[in-house]
Amino acid sequence: LGLGSKFRIKSVGNAAQSSLNLAIKRYDAIIPGHRTGRCSGSELTQLQVSVDDVVELQLGVNESYSLHIPQAGGVAELTAATQYGARHGLETFTQLLNSDHTIAAQTVQDYPRFPHRGIMLDTSRHFLPVSFIVSFIDAMSYSKLNVLHLHLTDSQSFPVESTTFPKLT
């Protein structure tokens, strides 16, 4: 299956009112190179994203999703329990795109095995520019990580300045 030149990601139902719209914009920007419109066979015209429930982020939130890409092309469907599962489904969709701008028809049902999937950055001993930390957070989504632990202070270093508690430093 190819992605048609007019391929779009569209939220339906509750998803239209959630923070998922930011994720859709992000992944919609990743896909343009794959929209060729030169498909010899069937092509996808849309990925419909629906979310069962919009919830606050917390440890243990349901991040499951189901992604169905039909053999005949047309409309692919991504359904998720929450907006966080839908974001993981969007990531999976972009990872399934081949370098020749095609995607195989398939159904993926996925959920995280562990509720805590994180990584730590030690900024107390190592200077890391803000731009690196921002790009690192962005890269965490590629592996569907959900916790960033910033090691800000240590007995050897206290590089945090607090405007609320200025005597702390």
Protein backbone atom coordinates (compact mmCIF):
# COMPACT_ATOMS: atom_id res chain seq x y z
CA LEU A 1 0.00 0.00 0.00
CA GLY A 2 1.18 3.50 -0.72
CA LEU A 3 0.23 6.76 0.91
CA GLY A 4 -1.70 8.99 -1.44
CA SER A 5 -0.65 12.59 -1.96
CA LYS A 6 -3.75 13.69 0.02
CA PHE A 7 -3.19 11.28 2.92
CA ARG A 8 -4.19 12.81 6.26
CA ILE A 9 -4.42 11.82 9.90
CA LYS A 10 -7.83 12.68 11.34
CA SER A 11 -9.11 12.46 14.90
CA VAL A 12 -12.69 11.30 15.43
CA GLY A 13 -14.90 11.25 18.52
CA ASN A 14 -13.32 12.24 21.85
CA ALA A 15 -9.89 12.51 20.27
CA ALA A 16 -10.85 15.77 18.55
CA GLN A 17 -11.04 17.51 21.94
CA SER A 18 -7.88 16.11 23.52
CA SER A 19 -4.21 16.93 23.57
CA LEU A 20 -3.90 14.31 20.84
CA ASN A 21 -4.27 17.03 18.21
CA LEU A 22 -0.70 18.19 18.97
CA ALA A 23 0.58 14.66 18.42
CA ILE A 24 -1.36 14.40 15.17
CA LYS A 25 0.25 17.63 13.93
CA ARG A 26 3.68 16.27 14.87
CA TYR A 27 3.23 12.97 13.03
CA ASP A 28 1.48 14.65 10.10
CA ALA A 29 4.68 16.69 9.68
CA ILE A 30 6.84 13.52 9.72
CA ILE A 31 4.89 11.82 6.92
CA PRO A 32 5.06 14.33 3.98
CA GLY A 33 8.01 12.58 2.32
CA HIS A 34 5.95 9.40 2.16
CA ARG A 35 2.98 11.01 0.37
CA THR A 36 3.89 10.32 -3.21
CA GLY A 37 0.63 9.97 -5.09
CA ARG A 38 2.53 7.66 -7.49
CA CYS A 39 1.16 4.38 -6.17
CA SER A 40 0.70 1.58 -8.67
CA GLY A 41 -1.62 -0.36 -6.36
CA SER A 42 -3.94 0.45 -3.51
CA GLU A 43 -3.28 3.49 -1.39
CA LEU A 44 -4.22 4.81 2.02
CA THR A 45 -6.11 8.07 2.02
CA GLN A 46 -6.59 8.55 5.76
CA LEU A 47 -5.67 7.33 9.22
CA GLN A 48 -8.62 7.76 11.57
CA VAL A 49 -7.67 8.04 15.24
CA SER A 50 -10.28 7.40 17.93
CA VAL A 51 -9.78 7.47 21.68
CA ASP A 52 -12.09 5.85 24.24
CA ASP A 53 -11.21 8.14 27.13
CA VAL A 54 -9.24 11.35 27.65
CA VAL A 55 -7.38 11.09 30.96
CA GLU A 56 -4.74 12.86 33.00
CA LEU A 57 -1.22 11.48 32.74
CA GLN A 58 -0.23 9.25 35.65
CA LEU A 59 1.75 6.08 36.22
CA GLY A 60 -0.28 3.05 35.16
CA VAL A 61 -2.53 4.85 32.66
CA ASN A 62 -3.83 2.55 29.91
CA GLU A 63 -1.53 3.00 26.88
CA SER A 64 -2.92 0.17 24.73
CA TYR A 65 -3.90 0.64 21.09
CA SER A 66 -4.97 -1.21 17.98
CA LEU A 67 -3.83 -0.21 14.49
CA HIS A 68 -5.57 -1.69 11.44
CA ILE A 69 -4.22 -1.07 7.93
CA PRO A 70 -6.61 -2.68 5.41
CA GLN A 71 -5.38 -4.66 2.41
CA ALA A 72 -7.69 -2.73 0.06
CA GLY A 73 -6.34 0.66 1.13
CA GLY A 74 -8.65 3.54 1.88
CA VAL A 75 -8.98 4.35 5.56
CA ALA A 76 -6.71 2.89 8.22
CA GLU A 77 -7.96 2.90 11.81
CA LEU A 78 -6.15 3.55 15.07
CA THR A 79 -8.20 2.99 18.22
CA ALA A 80 -6.80 3.53 21.69
CA ALA A 81 -7.97 3.44 25.28
CA THR A 82 -6.44 6.87 25.97
CA GLN A 83 -4.67 9.66 24.09
CA TYR A 84 -1.34 8.23 25.29
CA GLY A 85 -2.03 4.90 23.60
CA ALA A 86 -3.01 6.76 20.44
CA ARG A 87 0.32 8.61 20.48
CA HIS A 88 2.13 5.26 20.68
CA GLY A 89 -0.01 4.00 17.79
CA LEU A 90 0.95 7.03 15.70
CA GLU A 91 4.61 6.31 16.43
CA THR A 92 4.14 2.68 15.37
CA PHE A 93 2.44 3.81 12.15
CA THR A 94 5.39 6.02 11.19
CA GLN A 95 7.85 3.23 12.07
CA LEU A 96 6.00 0.84 9.75
CA LEU A 97 6.48 3.12 6.73
CA ASN A 98 9.03 1.66 4.34
CA SER A 99 11.74 3.63 2.56
CA ASP A 100 9.91 3.12 -0.75
CA HIS A 101 6.92 5.05 0.69
CA THR A 102 4.76 1.97 1.22
CA ILE A 103 3.22 0.28 4.24
CA ALA A 104 2.09 -3.32 4.58
CA ALA A 105 -1.52 -4.18 5.32
CA GLN A 106 -1.65 -5.48 8.89
CA THR A 107 -3.25 -5.28 12.30
CA VAL A 108 -1.17 -4.36 15.35
CA GLN A 109 -2.51 -4.72 18.87
CA ASP A 110 -0.04 -3.41 21.40
CA TYR A 111 0.30 -2.32 24.99
CA PRO A 112 3.33 -1.63 27.19
CA ARG A 113 4.60 -4.56 29.19
CA PHE A 114 5.72 -2.33 32.05
CA PRO A 115 4.00 0.81 33.37
CA HIS A 116 7.34 2.54 34.09
CA ARG A 117 9.59 2.83 31.02
CA GLY A 118 12.12 5.50 31.72
CA ILE A 119 15.59 6.87 31.47
CA MET A 120 17.73 9.20 33.56
CA LEU A 121 19.82 12.21 32.60
CA ASP A 122 22.53 13.24 35.08
CA THR A 123 22.57 17.02 34.76
CA SER A 124 24.14 17.51 38.18
CA ARG A 125 27.56 16.29 37.01
CA HIS A 126 27.28 16.89 33.26
CA PHE A 127 26.27 20.11 31.55
CA LEU A 128 23.56 19.45 28.99
CA PRO A 129 22.17 22.32 26.91
CA VAL A 130 18.41 22.82 27.03
CA SER A 131 18.22 22.14 23.29
CA PHE A 132 19.74 18.68 23.88
CA ILE A 133 17.27 17.90 26.67
CA VAL A 134 14.34 18.96 24.49
CA SER A 135 15.54 16.79 21.58
CA PHE A 136 16.14 13.93 24.03
CA ILE A 137 12.54 14.14 25.26
CA ASP A 138 11.40 14.09 21.64
CA ALA A 139 13.57 11.02 20.97
CA MET A 140 12.06 9.21 23.98
CA SER A 141 8.82 8.89 22.01
CA TYR A 142 10.55 6.73 19.38
CA SER A 143 10.99 4.00 22.00
CA LYS A 144 7.68 4.82 23.73
CA LEU A 145 9.37 5.76 26.99
CA ASN A 146 7.13 7.51 29.50
CA VAL A 147 9.34 8.67 32.41
CA LEU A 148 12.26 11.11 32.38
CA HIS A 149 14.24 11.27 35.60
CA LEU A 150 16.43 14.37 35.83
CA HIS A 151 19.23 13.97 38.37
CA LEU A 152 19.55 17.68 39.12
CA THR A 153 21.52 17.79 42.37
CA ASP A 154 24.15 15.83 44.23
CA SER A 155 26.47 16.29 47.20
CA GLN A 156 29.20 17.49 44.81
CA SER A 157 26.95 19.79 42.80
CA PHE A 158 23.84 21.90 43.18
CA PRO A 159 23.38 23.69 39.82
CA VAL A 160 19.70 24.50 40.37
CA GLU A 161 18.67 28.06 41.17
CA SER A 162 15.26 28.48 42.76
CA THR A 163 13.48 31.82 42.62
CA THR A 164 10.93 30.53 45.11
CA PHE A 165 13.59 29.41 47.62
CA PRO A 166 16.68 31.54 46.87
CA LYS A 167 18.53 30.42 50.03
CA LEU A 168 18.40 26.82 48.84
CA THR A 169 21.41 27.36 46.58
